[in-house]
C-alpha atoms as a PDB file:
ATOM      1  CA  MET A   1     -81.947 126.082  -6.192  1.00  0.00           C
ATOM      2  CA  GLU A   2     -85.506 126.422  -7.456  1.00  0.00           C
ATOM      3  CA  GLU A   3     -87.439 123.278  -8.301  1.00  0.00           C
ATOM      4  CA  ARG A   4     -88.563 122.857 -11.876  1.00  0.00           C
ATOM      5  CA  PRO A   5     -92.236 122.153 -12.455  1.00  0.00           C
ATOM      6  CA  MET A   6     -93.069 118.603 -13.523  1.00  0.00           C
ATOM      7  CA  PRO A   7     -96.205 117.064 -15.026  1.00  0.00           C
ATOM      8  CA  LEU A   8     -98.686 115.619 -12.550  1.00  0.00           C
ATOM      9  CA  THR A   9     -98.136 112.219 -14.180  1.00  0.00           C
ATOM     10  CA  MET A  10     -94.599 112.136 -12.712  1.00  0.00           C
ATOM     11  CA  VAL A  11     -95.797 112.325  -9.091  1.00  0.00           C
ATOM     12  CA  THR A  12     -95.558 109.171  -7.014  1.00  0.00           C
ATOM     13  CA  PRO A  13     -98.847 107.989  -5.472  1.00  0.00           C
ATOM     14  CA  GLY A  14     -99.123 109.237  -1.896  1.00  0.00           C
ATOM     15  CA  GLU A  15     -97.196 112.457  -2.572  1.00  0.00           C
ATOM     16  CA  GLU A  16     -98.720 115.904  -2.179  1.00  0.00           C
ATOM     17  CA  VAL A  17     -97.731 118.674  -4.596  1.00  0.00           C
ATOM     18  CA  THR A  18     -98.665 122.272  -5.460  1.00  0.00           C
ATOM     19  CA  LEU A  19    -100.215 123.157  -8.803  1.00  0.00           C
ATOM     20  CA  ILE A  20     -98.063 125.712 -10.646  1.00  0.00           C
ATOM     21  CA  ARG A  21     -99.799 126.109 -14.000  1.00  0.00           C
ATOM     22  CA  ILE A  22    -101.880 124.367 -16.646  1.00  0.00           C
ATOM     23  CA  ASN A  23    -100.527 124.067 -20.171  1.00  0.00           C
ATOM     24  CA  GLY A  24    -103.105 123.806 -22.882  1.00  0.00           C
ATOM     25  CA  GLY A  25    -105.843 125.653 -24.651  1.00  0.00           C
ATOM     26  CA  ARG A  26    -108.608 127.730 -23.181  1.00  0.00           C
ATOM     27  CA  GLY A  27    -111.017 124.783 -23.081  1.00  0.00           C
ATOM     28  CA  VAL A  28    -108.691 122.526 -21.091  1.00  0.00           C
ATOM     29  CA  ARG A  29    -107.755 125.303 -18.667  1.00  0.00           C
ATOM     30  CA  SER A  30    -111.387 126.292 -18.190  1.00  0.00           C
ATOM     31  CA  LYS A  31    -112.467 122.706 -17.486  1.00  0.00           C
ATOM     32  CA  LEU A  32    -109.688 122.122 -14.950  1.00  0.00           C
ATOM     33  CA  LEU A  33    -110.239 125.479 -13.252  1.00  0.00           C
ATOM     34  CA  SER A  34    -113.937 124.660 -12.872  1.00  0.00           C
ATOM     35  CA  MET A  35    -112.922 121.424 -11.088  1.00  0.00           C
ATOM     36  CA  GLY A  36    -110.910 123.410  -8.532  1.00  0.00           C
ATOM     37  CA  LEU A  37    -107.502 122.887 -10.108  1.00  0.00           C
ATOM     38  CA  ILE A  38    -106.180 126.408  -9.676  1.00  0.00           C
ATOM     39  CA  PRO A  39    -102.582 127.610  -9.259  1.00  0.00           C
ATOM     40  CA  GLY A  40    -101.499 127.209  -5.646  1.00  0.00           C
ATOM     41  CA  ALA A  41    -103.889 124.316  -4.952  1.00  0.00           C
ATOM     42  CA  ARG A  42    -102.472 121.323  -3.059  1.00  0.00           C
ATOM     43  CA  ILE A  43    -103.005 118.006  -4.844  1.00  0.00           C
ATOM     44  CA  ARG A  44    -102.421 114.505  -3.484  1.00  0.00           C
ATOM     45  CA  VAL A  45    -102.044 111.681  -5.982  1.00  0.00           C
ATOM     46  CA  LEU A  46    -103.897 108.567  -4.828  1.00  0.00           C
ATOM     47  CA  SER A  47    -103.097 106.245  -7.710  1.00  0.00           C
ATOM     48  CA  LYS A  48    -101.960 106.134 -11.298  1.00  0.00           C
ATOM     49  CA  ASN A  49    -102.138 103.374 -13.827  1.00  0.00           C
ATOM     50  CA  GLY A  50     -99.732 103.837 -16.726  1.00  0.00           C
ATOM     51  CA  ALA A  51    -101.758 105.470 -19.469  1.00  0.00           C
ATOM     52  CA  GLY A  52    -105.047 105.110 -17.565  1.00  0.00           C
ATOM     53  CA  PRO A  53    -106.738 107.594 -15.269  1.00  0.00           C
ATOM     54  CA  LEU A  54    -104.912 109.356 -12.469  1.00  0.00           C
ATOM     55  CA  LEU A  55    -106.856 109.499  -9.197  1.00  0.00           C
ATOM     56  CA  ILE A  56    -106.196 112.642  -7.147  1.00  0.00           C
ATOM     57  CA  VAL A  57    -107.558 114.416  -4.077  1.00  0.00           C
ATOM     58  CA  ILE A  58    -107.974 118.166  -3.958  1.00  0.00           C
ATOM     59  CA  LYS A  59    -109.753 119.788  -0.991  1.00  0.00           C
ATOM     60  CA  ASP A  60    -111.487 116.558   0.154  1.00  0.00           C
ATOM     61  CA  THR A  61    -112.701 115.874  -3.410  1.00  0.00           C
ATOM     62  CA  ARG A  62    -111.547 112.878  -5.430  1.00  0.00           C
ATOM     63  CA  LEU A  63    -111.086 113.371  -9.153  1.00  0.00           C
ATOM     64  CA  ALA A  64    -110.118 110.999 -11.947  1.00  0.00           C
ATOM     65  CA  LEU A  65    -108.122 112.650 -14.712  1.00  0.00           C
ATOM     66  CA  GLY A  66    -107.240 111.200 -18.068  1.00  0.00           C
ATOM     67  CA  TRP A  67    -103.517 110.747 -18.668  1.00  0.00           C
ATOM     68  CA  GLY A  68    -103.375 113.385 -21.433  1.00  0.00           C
ATOM     69  CA  MET A  69    -105.079 115.991 -19.268  1.00  0.00           C
ATOM     70  CA  ALA A  70    -102.868 115.152 -16.267  1.00  0.00           C
ATOM     71  CA  CYS A  71     -99.778 115.725 -18.452  1.00  0.00           C
ATOM     72  CA  LYS A  72    -100.868 119.352 -18.931  1.00  0.00           C
ATOM     73  CA  ILE A  73    -100.924 120.038 -15.166  1.00  0.00           C
ATOM     74  CA  LEU A  74     -97.535 121.254 -13.929  1.00  0.00           C
ATOM     75  CA  VAL A  75     -96.739 120.896 -10.243  1.00  0.00           C
ATOM     76  CA  LYS A  76     -93.863 121.202  -7.792  1.00  0.00           C
ATOM     77  CA  GLN A  77     -93.068 119.584  -4.458  1.00  0.00           C
END
């Protein structure tokens, strides 16, 4: 059975996931792509704080994403 993509905000801190796609307009996709968030990239969630920023690691780089932007990033285990 194939796993369904879930928003990055649903990932438990400490877990590593694979980016599947980014939902959103051209501006949002362009910004995230420029930060290295491309389909197939492995992302590890360091911490999340309710509606606050989500702290992630991608390729040895730490990024803080706003909750709304993180909701647009779909990932799978």
